[in-house]
N, C-alpha and C. Protein backbone atom coordinates (compact mmCIF):
# COMPACT_ATOMS: atom_id res chain seq x y z
N ALA A 1 57.84 97.73 138.41
CA ALA A 1 59.30 98.26 137.73
C ALA A 1 60.42 98.39 138.88
N PRO A 2 61.62 98.17 138.31
CA PRO A 2 62.83 98.17 139.39
C PRO A 2 62.81 99.37 139.98
N ALA A 3 63.31 99.33 141.41
CA ALA A 3 63.46 100.46 142.16
C ALA A 3 64.86 101.14 142.03
N SER A 4 65.00 102.19 142.11
CA SER A 4 66.45 102.62 142.05
C SER A 4 66.71 103.96 143.29
N HIS A 5 67.88 103.55 143.78
CA HIS A 5 68.15 104.33 144.78
C HIS A 5 69.70 105.03 144.38
N THR A 6 70.00 106.21 144.47
CA THR A 6 71.40 106.85 144.36
C THR A 6 71.86 107.41 145.67
N ILE A 7 72.97 107.13 146.08
CA ILE A 7 73.57 107.75 147.18
C ILE A 7 75.17 108.44 146.74
N GLU A 8 75.30 109.43 147.02
CA GLU A 8 76.78 110.13 146.74
C GLU A 8 77.36 110.71 147.97
N SER A 9 78.26 110.36 148.32
CA SER A 9 79.16 111.03 149.37
C SER A 9 80.33 111.95 148.49
N ILE A 10 80.73 113.06 149.03
CA ILE A 10 81.85 113.61 148.50
C ILE A 10 82.80 113.90 149.64
N TRP A 11 83.89 113.31 149.67
CA TRP A 11 84.74 113.59 150.77
C TRP A 11 86.00 114.29 150.26
N TYR A 12 85.95 115.17 149.69
CA TYR A 12 86.91 116.25 148.98
C TYR A 12 86.62 117.45 149.10
N ASN A 13 87.28 118.46 149.13
CA ASN A 13 86.85 119.83 148.89
C ASN A 13 87.01 120.09 147.23
N ASP A 14 85.58 119.99 146.75
CA ASP A 14 85.52 120.16 145.23
C ASP A 14 85.65 121.51 144.70
N SER A 15 85.52 122.63 145.76
CA SER A 15 85.82 123.81 145.32
C SER A 15 87.36 124.09 144.92
N MET A 16 88.12 123.05 145.19
CA MET A 16 89.58 123.34 144.88
C MET A 16 89.97 122.69 143.60
N VAL A 17 88.99 122.13 142.55
CA VAL A 17 89.38 121.94 141.52
C VAL A 17 89.40 122.62 140.42
N GLY A 18 90.38 122.75 139.51
CA GLY A 18 90.31 123.66 138.51
C GLY A 18 91.23 124.80 138.84
N GLU A 19 91.16 125.86 138.19
CA GLU A 19 91.90 127.27 138.59
C GLU A 19 91.28 127.70 139.88
N ILE A 20 92.25 128.18 140.69
CA ILE A 20 92.14 128.53 141.93
C ILE A 20 92.85 130.09 141.88
N VAL A 21 92.00 131.31 142.29
CA VAL A 21 92.61 132.41 142.34
C VAL A 21 92.31 133.19 143.56
N LEU A 22 92.91 134.37 144.12
CA LEU A 22 92.74 134.83 145.19
C LEU A 22 93.19 134.47 146.36
N LEU A 23 94.01 133.25 146.25
CA LEU A 23 94.39 132.40 147.63
C LEU A 23 95.78 132.43 147.79
N SER A 24 96.40 132.48 148.65
CA SER A 24 97.95 132.32 148.96
C SER A 24 98.36 130.89 148.66
N GLU A 25 99.62 130.59 148.58
CA GLU A 25 99.74 129.14 148.39
C GLU A 25 99.74 128.24 149.76
N SER A 26 99.90 128.96 150.82
CA SER A 26 99.20 128.13 152.03
C SER A 26 98.11 127.92 152.47
N GLU A 27 97.16 128.88 151.74
CA GLU A 27 95.78 128.62 151.81
C GLU A 27 95.14 127.54 150.89
N ILE A 28 95.88 127.56 149.82
CA ILE A 28 95.46 126.37 148.77
C ILE A 28 95.89 125.13 149.18
N VAL A 29 97.05 125.12 149.85
CA VAL A 29 97.46 123.93 150.44
C VAL A 29 96.72 123.29 151.61
N GLN A 30 96.45 124.47 152.43
CA GLN A 30 95.64 124.16 153.48
C GLN A 30 94.26 123.39 153.16
N GLN A 31 93.40 124.02 151.93
CA GLN A 31 92.36 123.61 151.69
C GLN A 31 92.28 122.27 151.00
N ILE A 32 93.35 121.65 150.36
CA ILE A 32 93.37 120.37 149.82
C ILE A 32 94.11 119.04 150.57
N ASP A 33 94.87 119.68 151.59
CA ASP A 33 95.32 118.94 152.55
C ASP A 33 94.71 118.37 153.99
N SER A 34 94.34 116.98 153.84
CA SER A 34 93.24 116.36 154.48
C SER A 34 93.79 116.14 155.90
N ASP A 35 95.07 116.50 156.23
CA ASP A 35 95.89 116.30 157.29
C ASP A 35 95.48 115.00 157.93
N GLY A 36 95.37 113.75 157.15
CA GLY A 36 95.12 112.59 157.84
C GLY A 36 93.50 112.06 157.86
N ALA A 37 92.53 113.01 157.69
CA ALA A 37 91.11 112.99 157.59
C ALA A 37 90.96 112.13 156.45
N GLY A 38 89.89 111.17 156.75
CA GLY A 38 89.60 110.32 155.55
C GLY A 38 90.47 109.08 155.26
N LEU A 39 91.81 109.08 155.80
CA LEU A 39 92.63 107.84 155.46
C LEU A 39 92.36 106.60 156.39
N GLY A 40 92.42 105.58 156.05
CA GLY A 40 92.13 104.32 156.58
C GLY A 40 91.32 103.44 155.87
N ALA A 41 91.15 102.09 156.36
CA ALA A 41 90.29 101.28 155.85
C ALA A 41 88.83 101.28 155.89
N TYR A 42 88.19 101.14 154.72
CA TYR A 42 86.80 101.25 154.49
C TYR A 42 86.01 99.99 154.24
N SER A 43 84.77 100.09 154.47
CA SER A 43 84.26 98.61 154.03
C SER A 43 82.72 99.04 153.65
N LEU A 44 82.16 98.31 152.56
CA LEU A 44 80.82 98.51 152.12
C LEU A 44 80.37 97.35 152.01
N ASP A 45 78.82 97.46 152.85
CA ASP A 45 78.02 96.22 152.88
C ASP A 45 76.90 96.63 151.93
N ILE A 46 76.62 96.01 151.14
CA ILE A 46 75.08 95.53 150.40
C ILE A 46 74.45 94.62 150.78
N THR A 47 72.97 94.67 151.25
CA THR A 47 72.17 93.74 151.32
C THR A 47 70.93 94.16 150.57
N VAL A 48 70.29 92.94 149.97
CA VAL A 48 69.12 93.06 149.49
C VAL A 48 68.39 91.68 149.89
N ASP A 49 67.22 92.01 150.32
CA ASP A 49 66.11 90.86 150.68
C ASP A 49 64.86 91.18 149.79
N ALA A 50 64.51 89.77 149.35
CA ALA A 50 63.75 89.72 148.20
C ALA A 50 62.94 88.47 148.48
N GLU A 51 61.54 88.54 148.52
CA GLU A 51 60.75 87.57 148.56
C GLU A 51 60.00 87.11 147.08
N ALA A 52 59.94 85.77 147.08
CA ALA A 52 59.11 85.00 146.15
C ALA A 52 58.35 83.89 146.56
N GLY A 53 57.49 83.61 145.51
CA GLY A 53 56.42 82.66 146.31
C GLY A 53 54.99 83.48 146.48
N ASN A 54 54.48 82.59 146.87
CA ASN A 54 52.72 83.00 147.07
C ASN A 54 52.38 83.09 148.63
N ALA A 55 51.77 84.08 149.11
CA ALA A 55 51.20 83.90 150.31
C ALA A 55 50.20 82.89 150.47
N PRO A 56 49.79 82.55 151.49
CA PRO A 56 48.38 81.81 151.56
C PRO A 56 47.33 82.58 150.67
N GLY A 57 46.42 81.85 150.31
CA GLY A 57 45.29 82.05 149.68
C GLY A 57 45.58 82.77 147.99
N PHE A 58 44.93 82.88 147.22
CA PHE A 58 44.85 83.13 145.98
C PHE A 58 45.29 84.84 145.61
N THR A 59 45.19 85.51 146.54
CA THR A 59 45.24 87.30 146.13
C THR A 59 46.61 87.57 145.88
N CYS A 60 47.33 87.03 146.49
CA CYS A 60 49.07 87.16 146.34
C CYS A 60 49.82 86.27 145.53
N ASP A 61 50.45 87.18 144.31
CA ASP A 61 51.11 86.62 143.64
C ASP A 61 52.68 87.23 143.47
N ARG A 62 53.61 86.85 144.00
CA ARG A 62 54.82 87.21 144.44
C ARG A 62 55.73 86.66 143.20
N GLU A 63 56.82 87.67 142.80
CA GLU A 63 57.73 86.94 142.02
C GLU A 63 58.84 87.89 142.04
N ASP A 64 60.17 87.43 142.12
CA ASP A 64 61.25 87.98 142.41
C ASP A 64 62.25 87.53 141.16
N ASN A 65 62.72 88.38 140.44
CA ASN A 65 63.46 87.85 139.24
C ASN A 65 64.94 88.26 139.49
N GLY A 66 65.17 88.51 140.60
CA GLY A 66 66.66 88.98 140.98
C GLY A 66 66.93 90.38 141.39
N GLU A 67 67.85 90.90 141.76
CA GLU A 67 67.98 92.26 142.13
C GLU A 67 69.53 92.63 141.39
N GLU A 68 69.63 93.85 140.90
CA GLU A 68 70.90 94.21 140.27
C GLU A 68 71.49 95.26 141.25
N VAL A 69 72.66 95.23 141.74
CA VAL A 69 73.12 96.29 142.69
C VAL A 69 74.63 96.83 142.04
N SER A 70 74.52 98.15 141.87
CA SER A 70 76.17 98.42 141.33
C SER A 70 76.53 99.83 142.02
N TYR A 71 77.76 99.58 142.20
CA TYR A 71 78.41 100.63 142.82
C TYR A 71 79.60 101.18 142.34
N LYS A 72 80.05 102.36 142.51
CA LYS A 72 81.18 103.00 141.88
C LYS A 72 82.04 103.87 142.97
N ILE A 73 83.02 103.56 143.29
CA ILE A 73 84.19 104.13 143.89
C ILE A 73 85.31 104.89 143.19
N GLU A 74 85.51 106.31 143.48
CA GLU A 74 86.44 106.93 142.74
C GLU A 74 87.24 107.64 143.71
N LEU A 75 88.58 107.62 143.20
CA LEU A 75 89.76 108.02 143.95
C LEU A 75 89.88 109.21 143.33
N ILE A 76 90.51 110.20 144.06
CA ILE A 76 91.05 111.73 143.35
C ILE A 76 92.45 111.92 143.99
N VAL A 77 93.33 112.20 143.13
CA VAL A 77 94.73 112.56 143.10
C VAL A 77 94.95 113.66 142.91
N TYR A 78 95.14 114.69 143.59
CA TYR A 78 95.56 116.06 143.25
C TYR A 78 96.96 116.09 142.51
N ASP A 79 97.06 116.48 141.20
CA ASP A 79 98.31 116.78 140.59
C ASP A 79 98.56 118.24 140.24
N TYR A 80 99.05 119.14 141.06
CA TYR A 80 98.88 120.72 140.81
C TYR A 80 100.34 121.34 141.04
N VAL A 81 100.15 122.45 140.44
CA VAL A 81 101.13 123.39 140.42
C VAL A 81 100.85 124.61 140.98
N ILE A 82 101.28 125.33 141.91
CA ILE A 82 100.98 126.52 142.34
C ILE A 82 102.20 127.61 142.04
N VAL A 83 101.52 128.57 141.05
CA VAL A 83 102.40 129.46 140.50
C VAL A 83 101.75 130.75 141.05
N PRO A 84 102.83 131.84 141.29
CA PRO A 84 102.43 132.94 141.66
C PRO A 84 101.73 133.87 140.85
N PHE A 85 100.98 134.89 141.23
CA PHE A 85 100.30 135.74 140.19
C PHE A 85 100.63 136.96 140.58
N ILE A 86 101.11 137.89 139.40
CA ILE A 86 101.56 139.21 139.87
C ILE A 86 100.52 139.75 138.74
N GLU A 87 99.82 140.80 139.49
CA GLU A 87 99.11 141.81 138.69
C GLU A 87 100.17 143.00 138.33
N LEU A 88 100.43 143.02 136.64
CA LEU A 88 101.42 143.73 136.39
C LEU A 88 100.88 145.65 136.73
N GLU A 89 99.61 145.78 136.58
CA GLU A 89 99.43 146.97 136.90
C GLU A 89 99.74 147.66 138.43
N ASP A 90 99.94 146.33 139.25
CA ASP A 90 100.26 146.95 140.79
C ASP A 90 101.87 147.38 140.76
N ILE A 91 102.61 147.15 139.49
CA ILE A 91 103.82 147.24 139.73
C ILE A 91 104.04 148.74 139.48
N GLU A 92 104.92 149.52 140.19
CA GLU A 92 104.78 150.94 139.64
C GLU A 92 106.30 151.08 139.27
């Protein structure tokens, strides 16, 4: 049976996706501004070693029908609007 491995790296503040409440505008900007962190060139190397053929003797029968490697890269761009929230009950 084929083997499967999944590796996930999250390089953003996923708590800031969706509606955010109880934070000031500067706190929201601070949470989503990476200040340059994570910027730059990245590379990904995937190597698969496979063996085919028989080892000496009749007890080892190896077969390799190939390997399939898949990967996914997702980029997130924040498109946000920060609006003030005023609790009407607080206004006297």
